[in-house]
Each structure stands twice: as C-alpha cells, then as structure tokens.
Amino acid sequence: MVGSNRRYPEAGAQRAQERRLQGARRRGTLHTLTPEQLQLTTRVVSLAPERGPMRALAWLKFGDTDIRCTVQVKRWTVDAVGIELQVGEERLRCWVWQGAVERVEGPTAHA
C-alpha cells in the first residue's frame, strides 16, 4: 500500500492527530472542569500507576472546537478524569467528565 508504514503502522494516525490538535490549540485554550464541578476536597482521587501509561480516547474542547484524541490518564474521581497530552512542545493537562473518556489499550488509538 503506497504511503503506509509497515514497521510503525500507527505513525500516520499519530501525525494526523498532532496536526488536528495543533489546529485546535490555535483556535483557543484547553477547557477544564472547574473546582466547583470537581469537588476535589470531598472526593477520592485515584492516581494512575507509574508502571506504564494509561491511554484513552477523550473529547476535549479548545476554545469552541471539539476534538477527540488519544490522551494519557493521570488521575480520576467517580465523575471526572484528569488527563495529559502533548501538543507540539507544550504539555497540557485538564479535567474532563468521565463520560467523555474511553480507555484503550496500546500506544495510540484512532479517533
């Protein structure tokens, strides 16, 4: 197949996702849940284990642009998930509702 990478088949999808993320980032800042929504002082917060990254597909909002992309899960509560992602040289973190996140296996996922 022309243009495919047999050794790293996910590389093309990762580059496409990076382009979409950079475009979304230019259109606005990454939204996150508010302290009032999170209620972290009254909720149990679980931390992701250090042994390996927990990956997920998550719906994020940059300004008024919604994008579904692969993220790393860092922590969670009963209602929300704290995620991290790399956009260019910038490492971004935010909290999203659990319903916006789908756990996946492997190094990358296709949105």
PDB file of N, CA and C in Angstrom:
ATOM      1  N   MET A   1       0.840  -1.169   0.000  1.00  0.00           N
ATOM      2  CA  MET A   1       0.000   0.000   0.000  1.00  0.00           C
ATOM      3  C   MET A   1       0.893   1.243   0.000  1.00  0.00           C
ATOM      4  N   VAL A   2       0.691   2.134  -0.910  1.00  0.00           N
ATOM      5  CA  VAL A   2       1.506   3.332  -1.041  1.00  0.00           C
ATOM      6  C   VAL A   2       1.245   4.256   0.144  1.00  0.00           C
ATOM      7  N   GLY A   3       2.329   4.747   0.749  1.00  0.00           N
ATOM      8  CA  GLY A   3       2.201   5.693   1.843  1.00  0.00           C
ATOM      9  C   GLY A   3       1.993   5.054   3.201  1.00  0.00           C
ATOM     10  N   SER A   4       1.961   3.728   3.274  1.00  0.00           N
ATOM     11  CA  SER A   4       1.782   3.089   4.573  1.00  0.00           C
ATOM     12  C   SER A   4       3.141   2.768   5.172  1.00  0.00           C
ATOM     13  N   ASN A   5       3.178   2.603   6.464  1.00  0.00           N
ATOM     14  CA  ASN A   5       4.400   2.298   7.169  1.00  0.00           C
ATOM     15  C   ASN A   5       4.188   0.963   7.870  1.00  0.00           C
ATOM     16  N   ARG A   6       4.784  -0.102   7.331  1.00  0.00           N
ATOM     17  CA  ARG A   6       4.566  -1.446   7.883  1.00  0.00           C
ATOM     18  C   ARG A   6       5.218  -1.615   9.250  1.00  0.00           C
ATOM     19  N   ARG A   7       6.336  -0.956   9.484  1.00  0.00           N
ATOM     20  CA  ARG A   7       7.025  -1.106  10.762  1.00  0.00           C
ATOM     21  C   ARG A   7       6.299  -0.355  11.876  1.00  0.00           C
ATOM     22  N   TYR A   8       5.786   0.829  11.576  1.00  0.00           N
ATOM     23  CA  TYR A   8       5.084   1.664  12.554  1.00  0.00           C
ATOM     24  C   TYR A   8       3.730   2.076  11.972  1.00  0.00           C
ATOM     25  N   PRO A   9       2.776   1.153  11.928  1.00  0.00           N
ATOM     26  CA  PRO A   9       1.503   1.454  11.265  1.00  0.00           C
ATOM     27  C   PRO A   9       0.718   2.585  11.915  1.00  0.00           C
ATOM     28  N   GLU A  10       0.963   2.851  13.185  1.00  0.00           N
ATOM     29  CA  GLU A  10       0.224   3.923  13.866  1.00  0.00           C
ATOM     30  C   GLU A  10       0.833   5.306  13.630  1.00  0.00           C
ATOM     31  N   ALA A  11       1.995   5.398  13.002  1.00  0.00           N
ATOM     32  CA  ALA A  11       2.692   6.673  12.827  1.00  0.00           C
ATOM     33  C   ALA A  11       1.865   7.676  12.025  1.00  0.00           C
ATOM     34  N   GLY A  12       1.223   7.239  10.969  1.00  0.00           N
ATOM     35  CA  GLY A  12       0.401   8.146  10.158  1.00  0.00           C
ATOM     36  C   GLY A  12      -0.759   8.719  10.946  1.00  0.00           C
ATOM     37  N   ALA A  13      -1.429   7.877  11.730  1.00  0.00           N
ATOM     38  CA  ALA A  13      -2.553   8.335  12.555  1.00  0.00           C
ATOM     39  C   ALA A  13      -2.069   9.310  13.624  1.00  0.00           C
ATOM     40  N   GLN A  14      -0.899   9.054  14.196  1.00  0.00           N
ATOM     41  CA  GLN A  14      -0.352   9.958  15.211  1.00  0.00           C
ATOM     42  C   GLN A  14      -0.036  11.324  14.609  1.00  0.00           C
ATOM     43  N   ARG A  15       0.544  11.352  13.414  1.00  0.00           N
ATOM     44  CA  ARG A  15       0.854  12.633  12.762  1.00  0.00           C
ATOM     45  C   ARG A  15      -0.426  13.395  12.424  1.00  0.00           C
ATOM     46  N   ALA A  16      -1.444  12.677  11.958  1.00  0.00           N
ATOM     47  CA  ALA A  16      -2.722  13.319  11.640  1.00  0.00           C
ATOM     48  C   ALA A  16      -3.358  13.897  12.905  1.00  0.00           C
ATOM     49  N   GLN A  17      -3.303  13.141  14.001  1.00  0.00           N
ATOM     50  CA  GLN A  17      -3.853  13.637  15.260  1.00  0.00           C
ATOM     51  C   GLN A  17      -3.086  14.866  15.725  1.00  0.00           C
ATOM     52  N   GLU A  18      -1.772  14.855  15.608  1.00  0.00           N
ATOM     53  CA  GLU A  18      -0.956  16.003  16.022  1.00  0.00           C
ATOM     54  C   GLU A  18      -1.340  17.248  15.227  1.00  0.00           C
ATOM     55  N   ARG A  19      -1.553  17.105  13.918  1.00  0.00           N
ATOM     56  CA  ARG A  19      -1.977  18.251  13.097  1.00  0.00           C
ATOM     57  C   ARG A  19      -3.342  18.775  13.555  1.00  0.00           C
ATOM     58  N   ARG A  20      -4.280  17.863  13.835  1.00  0.00           N
ATOM     59  CA  ARG A  20      -5.612  18.284  14.304  1.00  0.00           C
ATOM     60  C   ARG A  20      -5.511  18.991  15.657  1.00  0.00           C
ATOM     61  N   LEU A  21      -4.682  18.461  16.551  1.00  0.00           N
ATOM     62  CA  LEU A  21      -4.509  19.078  17.870  1.00  0.00           C
ATOM     63  C   LEU A  21      -3.876  20.462  17.764  1.00  0.00           C
ATOM     64  N   GLN A  22      -2.866  20.611  16.929  1.00  0.00           N
ATOM     65  CA  GLN A  22      -2.225  21.913  16.781  1.00  0.00           C
ATOM     66  C   GLN A  22      -3.203  22.936  16.200  1.00  0.00           C
ATOM     67  N   GLY A  23      -4.023  22.507  15.253  1.00  0.00           N
ATOM     68  CA  GLY A  23      -5.042  23.400  14.698  1.00  0.00           C
ATOM     69  C   GLY A  23      -6.064  23.804  15.745  1.00  0.00           C
ATOM     70  N   ALA A  24      -6.516  22.846  16.542  1.00  0.00           N
ATOM     71  CA  ALA A  24      -7.487  23.148  17.602  1.00  0.00           C
ATOM     72  C   ALA A  24      -6.866  24.069  18.650  1.00  0.00           C
ATOM     73  N   ARG A  25      -5.606  23.823  18.996  1.00  0.00           N
ATOM     74  CA  ARG A  25      -4.912  24.642  20.009  1.00  0.00           C
ATOM     75  C   ARG A  25      -4.801  26.096  19.551  1.00  0.00           C
ATOM     76  N   ARG A  26      -4.603  26.307  18.269  1.00  0.00           N
ATOM     77  CA  ARG A  26      -4.524  27.679  17.744  1.00  0.00           C
ATOM     78  C   ARG A  26      -5.869  28.399  17.854  1.00  0.00           C
ATOM     79  N   ARG A  27      -6.957  27.648  17.898  1.00  0.00           N
ATOM     80  CA  ARG A  27      -8.291  28.257  17.962  1.00  0.00           C
ATOM     81  C   ARG A  27      -8.756  28.563  19.386  1.00  0.00           C
ATOM     82  N   GLY A  28      -7.984  28.163  20.392  1.00  0.00           N
ATOM     83  CA  GLY A  28      -8.390  28.508  21.753  1.00  0.00           C
ATOM     84  C   GLY A  28      -7.669  27.698  22.803  1.00  0.00           C
ATOM     85  N   THR A  29      -7.893  28.081  24.057  1.00  0.00           N
ATOM     86  CA  THR A  29      -7.272  27.378  25.176  1.00  0.00           C
ATOM     87  C   THR A  29      -8.054  26.115  25.501  1.00  0.00           C
ATOM     88  N   LEU A  30      -7.376  25.180  26.135  1.00  0.00           N
ATOM     89  CA  LEU A  30      -7.974  23.912  26.527  1.00  0.00           C
ATOM     90  C   LEU A  30      -8.903  24.129  27.720  1.00  0.00           C
ATOM     91  N   HIS A  31     -10.144  23.717  27.591  1.00  0.00           N
ATOM     92  CA  HIS A  31     -11.109  23.839  28.682  1.00  0.00           C
ATOM     93  C   HIS A  31     -10.856  22.741  29.718  1.00  0.00           C
ATOM     94  N   THR A  32     -11.158  23.044  30.964  1.00  0.00           N
ATOM     95  CA  THR A  32     -11.062  22.080  32.052  1.00  0.00           C
ATOM     96  C   THR A  32     -12.246  22.288  32.984  1.00  0.00           C
ATOM     97  N   LEU A  33     -12.562  21.259  33.756  1.00  0.00           N
ATOM     98  CA  LEU A  33     -13.653  21.381  34.716  1.00  0.00           C
ATOM     99  C   LEU A  33     -13.255  22.347  35.828  1.00  0.00           C
ATOM    100  N   THR A  34     -14.224  23.002  36.405  1.00  0.00           N
ATOM    101  CA  THR A  34     -13.976  23.979  37.465  1.00  0.00           C
ATOM    102  C   THR A  34     -13.817  23.271  38.808  1.00  0.00           C
ATOM    103  N   PRO A  35     -13.206  23.935  39.790  1.00  0.00           N
ATOM    104  CA  PRO A  35     -13.118  23.356  41.133  1.00  0.00           C
ATOM    105  C   PRO A  35     -14.499  22.999  41.704  1.00  0.00           C
ATOM    106  N   GLU A  36     -15.486  23.824  41.416  1.00  0.00           N
ATOM    107  CA  GLU A  36     -16.846  23.536  41.888  1.00  0.00           C
ATOM    108  C   GLU A  36     -17.370  22.230  41.282  1.00  0.00           C
ATOM    109  N   GLN A  37     -17.106  22.004  39.997  1.00  0.00           N
ATOM    110  CA  GLN A  37     -17.535  20.771  39.344  1.00  0.00           C
ATOM    111  C   GLN A  37     -16.770  19.559  39.871  1.00  0.00           C
ATOM    112  N   LEU A  38     -15.473  19.736  40.123  1.00  0.00           N
ATOM    113  CA  LEU A  38     -14.627  18.616  40.554  1.00  0.00           C
ATOM    114  C   LEU A  38     -14.850  18.216  42.009  1.00  0.00           C
ATOM    115  N   GLN A  39     -15.070  19.168  42.889  1.00  0.00           N
ATOM    116  CA  GLN A  39     -15.267  18.908  44.322  1.00  0.00           C
ATOM    117  C   GLN A  39     -14.136  18.032  44.891  1.00  0.00           C
ATOM    118  N   LEU A  40     -12.903  18.381  44.562  1.00  0.00           N
ATOM    119  CA  LEU A  40     -11.761  17.567  44.969  1.00  0.00           C
ATOM    120  C   LEU A  40     -11.550  17.509  46.473  1.00  0.00           C
ATOM    121  N   THR A  41     -12.069  18.463  47.212  1.00  0.00           N
ATOM    122  CA  THR A  41     -11.905  18.428  48.670  1.00  0.00           C
ATOM    123  C   THR A  41     -12.829  17.404  49.323  1.00  0.00           C
ATOM    124  N   THR A  42     -13.831  16.927  48.594  1.00  0.00           N
ATOM    125  CA  THR A  42     -14.776  15.959  49.157  1.00  0.00           C
ATOM    126  C   THR A  42     -14.810  14.642  48.391  1.00  0.00           C
ATOM    127  N   ARG A  43     -14.003  14.510  47.351  1.00  0.00           N
ATOM    128  CA  ARG A  43     -13.989  13.301  46.515  1.00  0.00           C
ATOM    129  C   ARG A  43     -12.652  12.575  46.638  1.00  0.00           C
ATOM    130  N   VAL A  44     -12.696  11.272  46.509  1.00  0.00           N
ATOM    131  CA  VAL A  44     -11.476  10.469  46.462  1.00  0.00           C
ATOM    132  C   VAL A  44     -10.876  10.613  45.070  1.00  0.00           C
ATOM    133  N   VAL A  45      -9.570  10.881  45.028  1.00  0.00           N
ATOM    134  CA  VAL A  45      -8.855  10.995  43.760  1.00  0.00           C
ATOM    135  C   VAL A  45      -7.905   9.807  43.646  1.00  0.00           C
ATOM    136  N   SER A  46      -8.060   9.010  42.600  1.00  0.00           N
ATOM    137  CA  SER A  46      -7.179   7.869  42.334  1.00  0.00           C
ATOM    138  C   SER A  46      -6.104   8.309  41.349  1.00  0.00           C
ATOM    139  N   LEU A  47      -4.871   7.845  41.581  1.00  0.00           N
ATOM    140  CA  LEU A  47      -3.748   8.190  40.714  1.00  0.00           C
ATOM    141  C   LEU A  47      -3.401   7.013  39.817  1.00  0.00           C
ATOM    142  N   ALA A  48      -3.077   7.291  38.573  1.00  0.00           N
ATOM    143  CA  ALA A  48      -2.673   6.253  37.637  1.00  0.00           C
ATOM    144  C   ALA A  48      -1.335   5.664  38.084  1.00  0.00           C
ATOM    145  N   PRO A  49      -1.158   4.363  37.931  1.00  0.00           N
ATOM    146  CA  PRO A  49       0.120   3.748  38.333  1.00  0.00           C
ATOM    147  C   PRO A  49       1.274   4.238  37.471  1.00  0.00           C
ATOM    148  N   GLU A  50       2.467   4.251  38.038  1.00  0.00           N
ATOM    149  CA  GLU A  50       3.664   4.720  37.338  1.00  0.00           C
ATOM    150  C   GLU A  50       4.213   3.688  36.362  1.00  0.00           C
ATOM    151  N   ARG A  51       3.797   2.426  36.459  1.00  0.00           N
ATOM    152  CA  ARG A  51       4.403   1.337  35.678  1.00  0.00           C
ATOM    153  C   ARG A  51       4.240   1.480  34.174  1.00  0.00           C
ATOM    154  N   GLY A  52       3.244   2.164  33.734  1.00  0.00           N
ATOM    155  CA  GLY A  52       3.039   2.333  32.300  1.00  0.00           C
ATOM    156  C   GLY A  52       1.883   3.279  32.069  1.00  0.00           C
ATOM    157  N   PRO A  53       1.896   3.975  30.960  1.00  0.00           N
ATOM    158  CA  PRO A  53       0.838   4.961  30.734  1.00  0.00           C
ATOM    159  C   PRO A  53      -0.522   4.296  30.506  1.00  0.00           C
ATOM    160  N   MET A  54      -1.545   4.919  31.049  1.00  0.00           N
ATOM    161  CA  MET A  54      -2.922   4.527  30.786  1.00  0.00           C
ATOM    162  C   MET A  54      -3.415   5.439  29.674  1.00  0.00           C
ATOM    163  N   ARG A  55      -3.741   4.869  28.541  1.00  0.00           N
ATOM    164  CA  ARG A  55      -4.185   5.650  27.381  1.00  0.00           C
ATOM    165  C   ARG A  55      -5.702   5.612  27.274  1.00  0.00           C
ATOM    166  N   ALA A  56      -6.228   6.667  26.671  1.00  0.00           N
ATOM    167  CA  ALA A  56      -7.666   6.760  26.457  1.00  0.00           C
ATOM    168  C   ALA A  56      -7.951   7.661  25.273  1.00  0.00           C
ATOM    169  N   LEU A  57      -9.138   7.517  24.733  1.00  0.00           N
ATOM    170  CA  LEU A  57      -9.660   8.473  23.763  1.00  0.00           C
ATOM    171  C   LEU A  57     -10.541   9.417  24.548  1.00  0.00           C
ATOM    172  N   ALA A  58     -10.353  10.711  24.365  1.00  0.00           N
ATOM    173  CA  ALA A  58     -11.133  11.682  25.130  1.00  0.00           C
ATOM    174  C   ALA A  58     -11.593  12.813  24.233  1.00  0.00           C
ATOM    175  N   TRP A  59     -12.782  13.311  24.525  1.00  0.00           N
ATOM    176  CA  TRP A  59     -13.281  14.514  23.866  1.00  0.00           C
ATOM    177  C   TRP A  59     -12.766  15.710  24.632  1.00  0.00           C
ATOM    178  N   LEU A  60     -12.042  16.592  23.948  1.00  0.00           N
ATOM    179  CA  LEU A  60     -11.503  17.814  24.541  1.00  0.00           C
ATOM    180  C   LEU A  60     -12.092  19.006  23.816  1.00  0.00           C
ATOM    181  N   LYS A  61     -12.029  20.163  24.477  1.00  0.00           N
ATOM    182  CA  LYS A  61     -12.531  21.396  23.884  1.00  0.00           C
ATOM    183  C   LYS A  61     -11.451  22.459  23.962  1.00  0.00           C
ATOM    184  N   PHE A  62     -11.043  22.953  22.787  1.00  0.00           N
ATOM    185  CA  PHE A  62     -10.109  24.069  22.678  1.00  0.00           C
ATOM    186  C   PHE A  62     -10.912  25.246  22.163  1.00  0.00           C
ATOM    187  N   GLY A  63     -11.112  26.273  22.976  1.00  0.00           N
ATOM    188  CA  GLY A  63     -11.959  27.387  22.568  1.00  0.00           C
ATOM    189  C   GLY A  63     -13.345  26.851  22.272  1.00  0.00           C
ATOM    190  N   ASP A  64     -13.813  27.015  21.029  1.00  0.00           N
ATOM    191  CA  ASP A  64     -15.122  26.466  20.653  1.00  0.00           C
ATOM    192  C   ASP A  64     -14.988  25.244  19.749  1.00  0.00           C
ATOM    193  N   THR A  65     -13.779  24.637  19.716  1.00  0.00           N
ATOM    194  CA  THR A  65     -13.511  23.482  18.865  1.00  0.00           C
ATOM    195  C   THR A  65     -13.440  22.208  19.703  1.00  0.00           C
ATOM    196  N   ASP A  66     -14.253  21.216  19.343  1.00  0.00           N
ATOM    197  CA  ASP A  66     -14.219  19.909  19.990  1.00  0.00           C
ATOM    198  C   ASP A  66     -13.334  18.977  19.173  1.00  0.00           C
ATOM    199  N   ILE A  67     -12.540  18.161  19.864  1.00  0.00           N
ATOM    200  CA  ILE A  67     -11.665  17.206  19.192  1.00  0.00           C
ATOM    201  C   ILE A  67     -11.555  15.955  20.050  1.00  0.00           C
ATOM    202  N   ARG A  68     -11.591  14.807  19.403  1.00  0.00           N
ATOM    203  CA  ARG A  68     -11.402  13.530  20.099  1.00  0.00           C
ATOM    204  C   ARG A  68     -10.000  13.053  19.778  1.00  0.00           C
ATOM    205  N   CYS A  69      -9.225  12.766  20.823  1.00  0.00           N
ATOM    206  CA  CYS A  69      -7.833  12.393  20.607  1.00  0.00           C
ATOM    207  C   CYS A  69      -7.348  11.447  21.694  1.00  0.00           C
ATOM    208  N   THR A  70      -6.184  10.872  21.452  1.00  0.00           N
ATOM    209  CA  THR A  70      -5.549   9.983  22.415  1.00  0.00           C
ATOM    210  C   THR A  70      -4.880  10.822  23.498  1.00  0.00           C
ATOM    211  N   VAL A  71      -5.124  10.455  24.748  1.00  0.00           N
ATOM    212  CA  VAL A  71      -4.560  11.171  25.892  1.00  0.00           C
ATOM    213  C   VAL A  71      -3.992  10.155  26.878  1.00  0.00           C
ATOM    214  N   GLN A  72      -3.263  10.659  27.844  1.00  0.00           N
ATOM    215  CA  GLN A  72      -2.766   9.826  28.933  1.00  0.00           C
ATOM    216  C   GLN A  72      -3.581  10.144  30.177  1.00  0.00           C
ATOM    217  N   VAL A  73      -4.135   9.114  30.794  1.00  0.00           N
ATOM    218  CA  VAL A  73      -4.907   9.276  32.029  1.00  0.00           C
ATOM    219  C   VAL A  73      -3.929   9.384  33.190  1.00  0.00           C
ATOM    220  N   LYS A  74      -4.071  10.437  34.006  1.00  0.00           N
ATOM    221  CA  LYS A  74      -3.170  10.656  35.139  1.00  0.00           C
ATOM    222  C   LYS A  74      -3.852  10.425  36.487  1.00  0.00           C
ATOM    223  N   ARG A  75      -5.179  10.715  36.546  1.00  0.00           N
ATOM    224  CA  ARG A  75      -5.940  10.558  37.799  1.00  0.00           C
ATOM    225  C   ARG A  75      -7.417  10.560  37.471  1.00  0.00           C
ATOM    226  N   TRP A  76      -8.223  10.181  38.457  1.00  0.00           N
ATOM    227  CA  TRP A  76      -9.671  10.184  38.229  1.00  0.00           C
ATOM    228  C   TRP A  76     -10.419  10.210  39.553  1.00  0.00           C
ATOM    229  N   THR A  77     -11.658  10.651  39.469  1.00  0.00           N
ATOM    230  CA  THR A  77     -12.617  10.589  40.574  1.00  0.00           C
ATOM    231  C   THR A  77     -13.807   9.789  40.070  1.00  0.00           C
ATOM    232  N   VAL A  78     -14.834   9.687  40.872  1.00  0.00           N
ATOM    233  CA  VAL A  78     -16.027   8.968  40.460  1.00  0.00           C
ATOM    234  C   VAL A  78     -16.692   9.638  39.248  1.00  0.00           C
ATOM    235  N   ASP A  79     -16.481  10.945  39.060  1.00  0.00           N
ATOM    236  CA  ASP A  79     -17.138  11.693  37.987  1.00  0.00           C
ATOM    237  C   ASP A  79     -16.226  12.212  36.883  1.00  0.00           C
ATOM    238  N   ALA A  80     -14.932  12.379  37.170  1.00  0.00           N
ATOM    239  CA  ALA A  80     -14.048  13.087  36.244  1.00  0.00           C
ATOM    240  C   ALA A  80     -12.730  12.351  36.058  1.00  0.00           C
ATOM    241  N   VAL A  81     -12.040  12.705  34.964  1.00  0.00           N
ATOM    242  CA  VAL A  81     -10.738  12.111  34.641  1.00  0.00           C
ATOM    243  C   VAL A  81      -9.746  13.242  34.383  1.00  0.00           C
ATOM    244  N   GLY A  82      -8.602  13.181  35.052  1.00  0.00           N
ATOM    245  CA  GLY A  82      -7.513  14.129  34.815  1.00  0.00           C
ATOM    246  C   GLY A  82      -6.613  13.559  33.737  1.00  0.00           C
ATOM    247  N   ILE A  83      -6.451  14.289  32.648  1.00  0.00           N
ATOM    248  CA  ILE A  83      -5.686  13.778  31.513  1.00  0.00           C
ATOM    249  C   ILE A  83      -4.526  14.705  31.180  1.00  0.00           C
ATOM    250  N   GLU A  84      -3.599  14.167  30.387  1.00  0.00           N
ATOM    251  CA  GLU A  84      -2.438  14.922  29.924  1.00  0.00           C
ATOM    252  C   GLU A  84      -2.203  14.572  28.457  1.00  0.00           C
ATOM    253  N   LEU A  85      -1.769  15.563  27.694  1.00  0.00           N
ATOM    254  CA  LEU A  85      -1.430  15.326  26.296  1.00  0.00           C
ATOM    255  C   LEU A  85      -0.358  16.303  25.862  1.00  0.00           C
ATOM    256  N   GLN A  86       0.329  15.933  24.806  1.00  0.00           N
ATOM    257  CA  GLN A  86       1.394  16.757  24.238  1.00  0.00           C
ATOM    258  C   GLN A  86       0.872  17.370  22.948  1.00  0.00           C
ATOM    259  N   VAL A  87       0.992  18.694  22.828  1.00  0.00           N
ATOM    260  CA  VAL A  87       0.646  19.395  21.590  1.00  0.00           C
ATOM    261  C   VAL A  87       1.883  20.179  21.186  1.00  0.00           C
ATOM    262  N   GLY A  88       2.597  19.676  20.195  1.00  0.00           N
ATOM    263  CA  GLY A  88       3.876  20.283  19.830  1.00  0.00           C
ATOM    264  C   GLY A  88       4.838  20.145  20.998  1.00  0.00           C
ATOM    265  N   GLU A  89       5.390  21.257  21.445  1.00  0.00           N
ATOM    266  CA  GLU A  89       6.314  21.264  22.584  1.00  0.00           C
ATOM    267  C   GLU A  89       5.595  21.495  23.905  1.00  0.00           C
ATOM    268  N   GLU A  90       4.314  21.665  23.851  1.00  0.00           N
ATOM    269  CA  GLU A  90       3.523  22.030  25.039  1.00  0.00           C
ATOM    270  C   GLU A  90       2.836  20.807  25.645  1.00  0.00           C
ATOM    271  N   ARG A  91       3.018  20.611  26.957  1.00  0.00           N
ATOM    272  CA  ARG A  91       2.336  19.547  27.690  1.00  0.00           C
ATOM    273  C   ARG A  91       1.115  20.174  28.360  1.00  0.00           C
ATOM    274  N   LEU A  92      -0.067  19.657  28.011  1.00  0.00           N
ATOM    275  CA  LEU A  92      -1.318  20.212  28.523  1.00  0.00           C
ATOM    276  C   LEU A  92      -2.002  19.220  29.455  1.00  0.00           C
ATOM    277  N   ARG A  93      -2.664  19.760  30.466  1.00  0.00           N
ATOM    278  CA  ARG A  93      -3.416  18.940  31.418  1.00  0.00           C
ATOM    279  C   ARG A  93      -4.775  19.570  31.634  1.00  0.00           C
ATOM    280  N   CYS A  94      -5.767  18.709  31.820  1.00  0.00           N
ATOM    281  CA  CYS A  94      -7.099  19.199  32.153  1.00  0.00           C
ATOM    282  C   CYS A  94      -7.919  18.073  32.775  1.00  0.00           C
ATOM    283  N   TRP A  95      -9.072  18.451  33.290  1.00  0.00           N
ATOM    284  CA  TRP A  95     -10.063  17.502  33.806  1.00  0.00           C
ATOM    285  C   TRP A  95     -11.255  17.512  32.867  1.00  0.00           C
ATOM    286  N   VAL A  96     -11.767  16.313  32.552  1.00  0.00           N
ATOM    287  CA  VAL A  96     -12.973  16.169  31.735  1.00  0.00           C
ATOM    288  C   VAL A  96     -13.924  15.207  32.450  1.00  0.00           C
ATOM    289  N   TRP A  97     -15.191  15.248  32.071  1.00  0.00           N
ATOM    290  CA  TRP A  97     -16.162  14.315  32.630  1.00  0.00           C
ATOM    291  C   TRP A  97     -15.825  12.896  32.200  1.00  0.00           C
ATOM    292  N   GLN A  98     -16.067  11.910  33.068  1.00  0.00           N
ATOM    293  CA  GLN A  98     -15.767  10.516  32.740  1.00  0.00           C
ATOM    294  C   GLN A  98     -16.453  10.047  31.469  1.00  0.00           C
ATOM    295  N   GLY A  99     -17.647  10.541  31.209  1.00  0.00           N
ATOM    296  CA  GLY A  99     -18.373  10.143  30.006  1.00  0.00           C
ATOM    297  C   GLY A  99     -17.696  10.564  28.713  1.00  0.00           C
ATOM    298  N   ALA A 100     -16.722  11.476  28.796  1.00  0.00           N
ATOM    299  CA  ALA A 100     -16.004  11.954  27.615  1.00  0.00           C
ATOM    300  C   ALA A 100     -14.764  11.117  27.323  1.00  0.00           C
ATOM    301  N   VAL A 101     -14.534  10.048  28.113  1.00  0.00           N
ATOM    302  CA  VAL A 101     -13.300   9.279  28.035  1.00  0.00           C
ATOM    303  C   VAL A 101     -13.603   7.796  27.810  1.00  0.00           C
ATOM    304  N   GLU A 102     -12.827   7.190  26.903  1.00  0.00           N
ATOM    305  CA  GLU A 102     -12.928   5.753  26.637  1.00  0.00           C
ATOM    306  C   GLU A 102     -11.530   5.159  26.720  1.00  0.00           C
ATOM    307  N   ARG A 103     -11.293   4.267  27.669  1.00  0.00           N
ATOM    308  CA  ARG A 103      -9.974   3.658  27.832  1.00  0.00           C
ATOM    309  C   ARG A 103      -9.652   2.760  26.653  1.00  0.00           C
ATOM    310  N   VAL A 104      -8.390   2.786  26.226  1.00  0.00           N
ATOM    311  CA  VAL A 104      -7.919   1.959  25.115  1.00  0.00           C
ATOM    312  C   VAL A 104      -6.618   1.286  25.517  1.00  0.00           C
ATOM    313  N   GLU A 105      -6.274   0.240  24.802  1.00  0.00           N
ATOM    314  CA  GLU A 105      -5.004  -0.465  25.011  1.00  0.00           C
ATOM    315  C   GLU A 105      -4.048  -0.068  23.899  1.00  0.00           C
ATOM    316  N   GLY A 106      -2.762  -0.183  24.156  1.00  0.00           N
ATOM    317  CA  GLY A 106      -1.762   0.086  23.123  1.00  0.00           C
ATOM    318  C   GLY A 106      -1.251   1.507  23.162  1.00  0.00           C
ATOM    319  N   PRO A 107      -0.260   1.806  22.323  1.00  0.00           N
ATOM    320  CA  PRO A 107       0.409   3.097  22.355  1.00  0.00           C
ATOM    321  C   PRO A 107      -0.418   4.237  21.789  1.00  0.00           C
ATOM    322  N   THR A 108      -1.372   3.941  20.944  1.00  0.00           N
ATOM    323  CA  THR A 108      -2.149   5.002  20.335  1.00  0.00           C
ATOM    324  C   THR A 108      -3.518   4.449  19.969  1.00  0.00           C
ATOM    325  N   ALA A 109      -4.421   5.339  19.761  1.00  0.00           N
ATOM    326  CA  ALA A 109      -5.766   4.942  19.349  1.00  0.00           C
ATOM    327  C   ALA A 109      -6.179   5.834  18.202  1.00  0.00           C
ATOM    328  N   HIS A 110      -7.073   5.363  17.406  1.00  0.00           N
ATOM    329  CA  HIS A 110      -7.553   6.123  16.257  1.00  0.00           C
ATOM    330  C   HIS A 110      -8.888   6.746  16.602  1.00  0.00           C
ATOM    331  N   ALA A 111      -8.946   8.057  16.508  1.00  0.00           N
ATOM    332  CA  ALA A 111     -10.184   8.776  16.832  1.00  0.00           C
ATOM    333  C   ALA A 111     -11.148   8.741  15.671  1.00  0.00           C
TER     334      ALA A 111
END
